[in-house]
C-alpha atoms as a PDB file:
ATOM      1  CA  MET A   1      -7.641  15.260  74.447  1.00  0.00           C
ATOM      2  CA  SER A   2      -9.575  16.354  71.431  1.00  0.00           C
ATOM      3  CA  LYS A   3     -11.280  14.089  68.933  1.00  0.00           C
ATOM      4  CA  PRO A   4     -10.145  14.187  65.327  1.00  0.00           C
ATOM      5  CA  ALA A   5     -12.358  16.264  63.112  1.00  0.00           C
ATOM      6  CA  THR A   6     -14.865  14.223  61.174  1.00  0.00           C
ATOM      7  CA  SER A   7     -16.727  15.218  58.095  1.00  0.00           C
ATOM      8  CA  THR A   8     -20.407  15.839  58.659  1.00  0.00           C
ATOM      9  CA  ALA A   9     -21.214  15.902  54.948  1.00  0.00           C
ATOM     10  CA  GLU A  10     -23.630  13.214  53.795  1.00  0.00           C
ATOM     11  CA  PRO A  11     -22.435  10.943  51.012  1.00  0.00           C
ATOM     12  CA  GLU A  12     -23.823  11.905  47.638  1.00  0.00           C
ATOM     13  CA  VAL A  13     -25.614   9.288  45.614  1.00  0.00           C
ATOM     14  CA  GLN A  14     -24.702   9.459  41.949  1.00  0.00           C
ATOM     15  CA  GLU A  15     -27.200   8.183  39.484  1.00  0.00           C
ATOM     16  CA  SER A  16     -25.752   5.759  37.023  1.00  0.00           C
ATOM     17  CA  PRO A  17     -26.307   6.594  33.406  1.00  0.00           C
ATOM     18  CA  ALA A  18     -29.339   5.114  31.791  1.00  0.00           C
ATOM     19  CA  GLY A  19     -28.885   1.666  30.288  1.00  0.00           C
ATOM     20  CA  PRO A  20     -28.065   1.337  26.646  1.00  0.00           C
ATOM     21  CA  ASN A  21     -30.834   2.037  24.276  1.00  0.00           C
ATOM     22  CA  LYS A  22     -31.650  -1.271  22.631  1.00  0.00           C
ATOM     23  CA  ILE A  23     -32.999   0.430  19.522  1.00  0.00           C
ATOM     24  CA  LEU A  24     -29.652   2.161  19.090  1.00  0.00           C
ATOM     25  CA  LEU A  25     -27.761  -1.099  19.686  1.00  0.00           C
ATOM     26  CA  VAL A  26     -29.707  -2.777  16.879  1.00  0.00           C
ATOM     27  CA  GLY A  27     -30.155   0.261  14.635  1.00  0.00           C
ATOM     28  CA  VAL A  28     -26.494   1.178  14.274  1.00  0.00           C
ATOM     29  CA  PRO A  29     -25.310  -2.226  12.981  1.00  0.00           C
ATOM     30  CA  VAL A  30     -28.336  -2.430  10.661  1.00  0.00           C
ATOM     31  CA  ALA A  31     -27.509   1.030   9.292  1.00  0.00           C
ATOM     32  CA  LEU A  32     -23.869  -0.014   8.803  1.00  0.00           C
ATOM     33  CA  MET A  33     -24.999  -3.163   6.985  1.00  0.00           C
ATOM     34  CA  ALA A  34     -27.123  -1.004   4.653  1.00  0.00           C
ATOM     35  CA  LEU A  35     -24.103   1.232   4.043  1.00  0.00           C
ATOM     36  CA  ALA A  36     -21.961  -1.830   3.339  1.00  0.00           C
ATOM     37  CA  ALA A  37     -24.537  -3.106   0.839  1.00  0.00           C
ATOM     38  CA  ALA A  38     -24.480   0.254  -0.938  1.00  0.00           C
ATOM     39  CA  VAL A  39     -20.666   0.191  -1.071  1.00  0.00           C
ATOM     40  CA  ILE A  40     -20.634  -3.364  -2.446  1.00  0.00           C
ATOM     41  CA  PHE A  41     -23.242  -2.649  -5.128  1.00  0.00           C
ATOM     42  CA  THR A  42     -21.489   0.584  -6.101  1.00  0.00           C
ATOM     43  CA  SER A  43     -18.183  -1.255  -6.439  1.00  0.00           C
ATOM     44  CA  PHE A  44     -19.688  -3.566  -9.101  1.00  0.00           C
ATOM     45  CA  GLY A  45     -19.891  -0.648 -11.522  1.00  0.00           C
ATOM     46  CA  LEU A  46     -16.286   0.387 -10.976  1.00  0.00           C
ATOM     47  CA  GLY A  47     -14.575  -2.747 -12.244  1.00  0.00           C
ATOM     48  CA  TYR A  48     -13.117  -5.382  -9.951  1.00  0.00           C
ATOM     49  CA  TRP A  49      -9.982  -6.290 -11.922  1.00  0.00           C
ATOM     50  CA  THR A  50      -8.097  -4.811 -14.858  1.00  0.00           C
ATOM     51  CA  THR A  51      -5.234  -6.106 -16.975  1.00  0.00           C
ATOM     52  CA  LEU A  52      -2.846  -4.133 -14.748  1.00  0.00           C
ATOM     53  CA  GLY A  53      -4.178  -5.534 -11.450  1.00  0.00           C
ATOM     54  CA  PRO A  54      -6.941  -4.567  -9.021  1.00  0.00           C
ATOM     55  CA  GLY A  55      -9.486  -2.211 -10.513  1.00  0.00           C
ATOM     56  CA  PRO A  56     -11.145   0.787  -8.863  1.00  0.00           C
ATOM     57  CA  GLY A  57     -13.856  -1.441  -7.405  1.00  0.00           C
ATOM     58  CA  PHE A  58     -11.507  -3.947  -5.747  1.00  0.00           C
ATOM     59  CA  PHE A  59     -10.948  -2.184  -2.441  1.00  0.00           C
ATOM     60  CA  PRO A  60     -14.508  -0.808  -2.019  1.00  0.00           C
ATOM     61  CA  PHE A  61     -15.847  -4.328  -2.596  1.00  0.00           C
ATOM     62  CA  TRP A  62     -13.685  -5.885   0.106  1.00  0.00           C
ATOM     63  CA  ILE A  63     -14.156  -3.001   2.509  1.00  0.00           C
ATOM     64  CA  GLY A  64     -17.918  -3.409   2.045  1.00  0.00           C
ATOM     65  CA  ILE A  65     -17.638  -7.141   2.744  1.00  0.00           C
ATOM     66  CA  LEU A  66     -15.587  -6.459   5.877  1.00  0.00           C
ATOM     67  CA  LEU A  67     -18.029  -3.796   7.073  1.00  0.00           C
ATOM     68  CA  ALA A  68     -21.043  -6.031   6.434  1.00  0.00           C
ATOM     69  CA  THR A  69     -19.465  -8.973   8.254  1.00  0.00           C
ATOM     70  CA  SER A  70     -18.421  -6.874  11.252  1.00  0.00           C
ATOM     71  CA  SER A  71     -21.861  -5.273  11.446  1.00  0.00           C
ATOM     72  CA  ALA A  72     -23.565  -8.673  11.290  1.00  0.00           C
ATOM     73  CA  VAL A  73     -21.394  -9.966  14.134  1.00  0.00           C
ATOM     74  CA  TRP A  74     -22.167  -6.833  16.135  1.00  0.00           C
ATOM     75  CA  LEU A  75     -25.903  -7.244  15.486  1.00  0.00           C
ATOM     76  CA  VAL A  76     -25.894 -10.910  16.535  1.00  0.00           C
ATOM     77  CA  GLN A  77     -23.987 -10.065  19.710  1.00  0.00           C
ATOM     78  CA  ALA A  78     -26.412  -7.261  20.521  1.00  0.00           C
ATOM     79  CA  LEU A  79     -29.441  -9.497  19.948  1.00  0.00           C
ATOM     80  CA  ARG A  80     -27.994 -12.307  22.053  1.00  0.00           C
ATOM     81  CA  GLY A  81     -27.273  -9.937  24.925  1.00  0.00           C
ATOM     82  CA  ASN A  82     -23.497 -10.305  24.868  1.00  0.00           C
ATOM     83  CA  PRO A  83     -22.180  -8.430  27.916  1.00  0.00           C
ATOM     84  CA  ASN A  84     -19.333  -7.038  25.815  1.00  0.00           C
ATOM     85  CA  VAL A  85     -21.894  -5.217  23.684  1.00  0.00           C
ATOM     86  CA  ILE A  86     -24.596  -4.470  26.244  1.00  0.00           C
ATOM     87  CA  VAL A  87     -23.341  -2.948  29.454  1.00  0.00           C
ATOM     88  CA  PRO A  88     -25.640  -3.759  32.359  1.00  0.00           C
ATOM     89  CA  ALA A  89     -26.906  -0.866  34.409  1.00  0.00           C
ATOM     90  CA  GLU A  90     -25.032  -0.526  37.669  1.00  0.00           C
ATOM     91  CA  ALA A  91     -26.511   0.180  41.050  1.00  0.00           C
ATOM     92  CA  PRO A  92     -26.152   3.777  42.289  1.00  0.00           C
ATOM     93  CA  VAL A  93     -22.829   4.328  44.019  1.00  0.00           C
ATOM     94  CA  ALA A  94     -22.495   6.337  47.188  1.00  0.00           C
ATOM     95  CA  VAL A  95     -19.590   8.742  46.991  1.00  0.00           C
ATOM     96  CA  ASP A  96     -18.126  10.328  50.069  1.00  0.00           C
ATOM     97  CA  PRO A  97     -17.043  13.838  49.027  1.00  0.00           C
ATOM     98  CA  ALA A  98     -14.552  14.006  51.903  1.00  0.00           C
ATOM     99  CA  ALA A  99     -12.753  10.870  50.806  1.00  0.00           C
ATOM    100  CA  GLU A 100      -9.738  11.356  48.611  1.00  0.00           C
ATOM    101  CA  SER A 101      -9.674   9.138  45.580  1.00  0.00           C
ATOM    102  CA  THR A 102      -6.666   6.921  45.117  1.00  0.00           C
ATOM    103  CA  ALA A 103      -7.898   5.349  41.902  1.00  0.00           C
ATOM    104  CA  PRO A 104      -5.598   5.835  38.944  1.00  0.00           C
ATOM    105  CA  THR A 105      -6.900   8.293  36.451  1.00  0.00           C
ATOM    106  CA  ALA A 106      -7.351   7.237  32.885  1.00  0.00           C
ATOM    107  CA  LYS A 107      -4.479   8.373  30.752  1.00  0.00           C
ATOM    108  CA  LYS A 108      -5.829  10.614  28.080  1.00  0.00           C
ATOM    109  CA  ARG A 109      -4.406  10.185  24.633  1.00  0.00           C
ATOM    110  CA  PRO A 110      -4.806  13.424  22.767  1.00  0.00           C
ATOM    111  CA  ILE A 111      -5.995  13.178  19.201  1.00  0.00           C
ATOM    112  CA  TRP A 112      -3.442  15.763  18.081  1.00  0.00           C
ATOM    113  CA  ILE A 113      -0.658  13.215  18.673  1.00  0.00           C
ATOM    114  CA  VAL A 114      -2.356  10.838  16.227  1.00  0.00           C
ATOM    115  CA  LEU A 115      -2.813  13.630  13.698  1.00  0.00           C
ATOM    116  CA  LEU A 116       0.785  14.771  14.099  1.00  0.00           C
ATOM    117  CA  SER A 117       2.065  11.220  13.654  1.00  0.00           C
ATOM    118  CA  LEU A 118      -0.040  10.901  10.481  1.00  0.00           C
ATOM    119  CA  ILE A 119       1.552  14.081   9.122  1.00  0.00           C
ATOM    120  CA  VAL A 120       5.009  12.705   9.936  1.00  0.00           C
ATOM    121  CA  LEU A 121       4.030   9.420   8.267  1.00  0.00           C
ATOM    122  CA  ALA A 122       2.925  11.175   5.089  1.00  0.00           C
ATOM    123  CA  SER A 123       6.019  13.363   4.957  1.00  0.00           C
ATOM    124  CA  LEU A 124       8.455  10.458   5.425  1.00  0.00           C
ATOM    125  CA  LEU A 125       6.866   7.975   2.993  1.00  0.00           C
ATOM    126  CA  ASP A 126       8.940   9.096   0.019  1.00  0.00           C
ATOM    127  CA  VAL A 127      12.130   9.441   2.061  1.00  0.00           C
ATOM    128  CA  LEU A 128      12.148   6.219   4.092  1.00  0.00           C
ATOM    129  CA  GLY A 129       9.687   4.194   2.039  1.00  0.00           C
ATOM    130  CA  PHE A 130       6.415   2.550   2.996  1.00  0.00           C
ATOM    131  CA  GLN A 131       7.848  -0.327   4.999  1.00  0.00           C
ATOM    132  CA  LEU A 132      10.020   1.580   7.481  1.00  0.00           C
ATOM    133  CA  THR A 133       7.642   4.514   7.844  1.00  0.00           C
ATOM    134  CA  MET A 134       4.560   2.357   8.386  1.00  0.00           C
ATOM    135  CA  PHE A 135       6.475   0.076  10.786  1.00  0.00           C
ATOM    136  CA  ALA A 136       7.496   3.056  12.931  1.00  0.00           C
ATOM    137  CA  PHE A 137       3.988   4.552  12.783  1.00  0.00           C
ATOM    138  CA  LEU A 138       2.244   1.333  13.775  1.00  0.00           C
ATOM    139  CA  LEU A 139       4.748   0.553  16.513  1.00  0.00           C
ATOM    140  CA  PHE A 140       4.373   4.052  17.950  1.00  0.00           C
ATOM    141  CA  GLN A 141       0.581   3.893  17.863  1.00  0.00           C
ATOM    142  CA  LEU A 142       0.325   0.392  19.321  1.00  0.00           C
ATOM    143  CA  LYS A 143       3.049   0.492  21.976  1.00  0.00           C
ATOM    144  CA  PHE A 144       3.245   4.090  23.085  1.00  0.00           C
ATOM    145  CA  GLN A 145      -0.243   5.356  22.341  1.00  0.00           C
ATOM    146  CA  GLY A 146      -2.229   2.153  22.835  1.00  0.00           C
ATOM    147  CA  GLY A 147      -0.155   0.642  25.636  1.00  0.00           C
ATOM    148  CA  ARG A 148       0.007  -2.788  23.981  1.00  0.00           C
ATOM    149  CA  LYS A 149       2.678  -5.302  24.897  1.00  0.00           C
ATOM    150  CA  TRP A 150       5.920  -5.380  22.910  1.00  0.00           C
ATOM    151  CA  PRO A 151       5.468  -8.783  21.207  1.00  0.00           C
ATOM    152  CA  LEU A 152       1.955  -7.974  19.973  1.00  0.00           C
ATOM    153  CA  SER A 153       2.994  -4.481  18.878  1.00  0.00           C
ATOM    154  CA  LEU A 154       5.982  -5.815  16.952  1.00  0.00           C
ATOM    155  CA  ILE A 155       3.981  -8.547  15.220  1.00  0.00           C
ATOM    156  CA  ILE A 156       1.192  -6.199  14.120  1.00  0.00           C
ATOM    157  CA  ALA A 157       3.692  -3.541  13.029  1.00  0.00           C
ATOM    158  CA  LEU A 158       5.650  -6.096  10.975  1.00  0.00           C
ATOM    159  CA  VAL A 159       2.532  -7.491   9.317  1.00  0.00           C
ATOM    160  CA  GLY A 160       1.068  -4.033   8.755  1.00  0.00           C
ATOM    161  CA  SER A 161       4.231  -2.672   7.156  1.00  0.00           C
ATOM    162  CA  PHE A 162       6.379  -5.366   5.523  1.00  0.00           C
ATOM    163  CA  GLY A 163       3.515  -7.826   5.058  1.00  0.00           C
ATOM    164  CA  VAL A 164       1.190  -5.274   3.472  1.00  0.00           C
ATOM    165  CA  PHE A 165       4.019  -4.014   1.253  1.00  0.00           C
ATOM    166  CA  HIS A 166       4.676  -7.484  -0.165  1.00  0.00           C
ATOM    167  CA  LEU A 167       0.950  -8.209  -0.479  1.00  0.00           C
ATOM    168  CA  PHE A 168       0.481  -5.105  -2.597  1.00  0.00           C
ATOM    169  CA  THR A 169       3.673  -5.274  -4.650  1.00  0.00           C
ATOM    170  CA  ASP A 170       4.034  -9.040  -5.162  1.00  0.00           C
ATOM    171  CA  VAL A 171       0.430 -10.283  -5.199  1.00  0.00           C
ATOM    172  CA  LEU A 172      -1.716  -7.325  -6.234  1.00  0.00           C
ATOM    173  CA  GLN A 173       0.929  -5.697  -8.457  1.00  0.00           C
ATOM    174  CA  VAL A 174       0.308  -2.287  -6.869  1.00  0.00           C
ATOM    175  CA  THR A 175       3.373  -0.132  -6.372  1.00  0.00           C
ATOM    176  CA  LEU A 176       3.987   1.327  -2.933  1.00  0.00           C
ATOM    177  CA  PRO A 177       6.686   3.931  -2.242  1.00  0.00           C
ATOM    178  CA  THR A 178      10.220   2.754  -1.575  1.00  0.00           C
ATOM    179  CA  SER A 179      12.988   4.711   0.083  1.00  0.00           C
ATOM    180  CA  SER A 180      14.694   7.486  -1.827  1.00  0.00           C
ATOM    181  CA  ILE A 181      17.891   6.912   0.163  1.00  0.00           C
ATOM    182  CA  GLY A 182      20.241   4.792  -1.918  1.00  0.00           C
ATOM    183  CA  PHE A 183      21.406   2.530   0.896  1.00  0.00           C
ATOM    184  CA  LEU A 184      17.851   1.710   1.976  1.00  0.00           C
ATOM    185  CA  GLU A 185      16.655   1.329  -1.608  1.00  0.00           C
ATOM    186  CA  ASN A 186      19.413  -1.222  -2.264  1.00  0.00           C
ATOM    187  CA  LEU A 187      18.107  -3.216   0.705  1.00  0.00           C
ATOM    188  CA  GLY A 188      14.663  -3.308  -0.916  1.00  0.00           C
ATOM    189  CA  LEU A 189      13.157  -0.876   1.546  1.00  0.00           C
END
């Protein structure tokens, strides 16, 4: 009786990537905070509000505030050593080249699908209107591209489409496209 063939190859030791560069972890949020400050100061010269509604400086001002706040949170987390920001270096892992991997492979999400869906979004805005087009776009991106659960995808898609539409049209007095199809236009879409 013969013995089963065994692999004589030695396991390879893979070096883990070097730990995160702490200068980079602090430098990037500081650079983003400087960019946010420049955006905020530039927005002051554009005019925050006009008699017709938000002025040209309205959105840059709030985007700058959002960027500065997010960067500050990121910087604090990096300085405090939050494990979600700083990934600890792992010990080298021995890999047996003869062993067959059964681990699931990461599902790649090609960028061309996002770009194609953006083109479809732009081409359907005047036909279906902002609300329906943005709802379909967000739902597709969250559920089918991002793999999010249905309830979360539906809530974000509803807020990002219908909620944003009413925020802009009712509160900010900024017109967003409505459907050019009579039936949908009569429904307020």
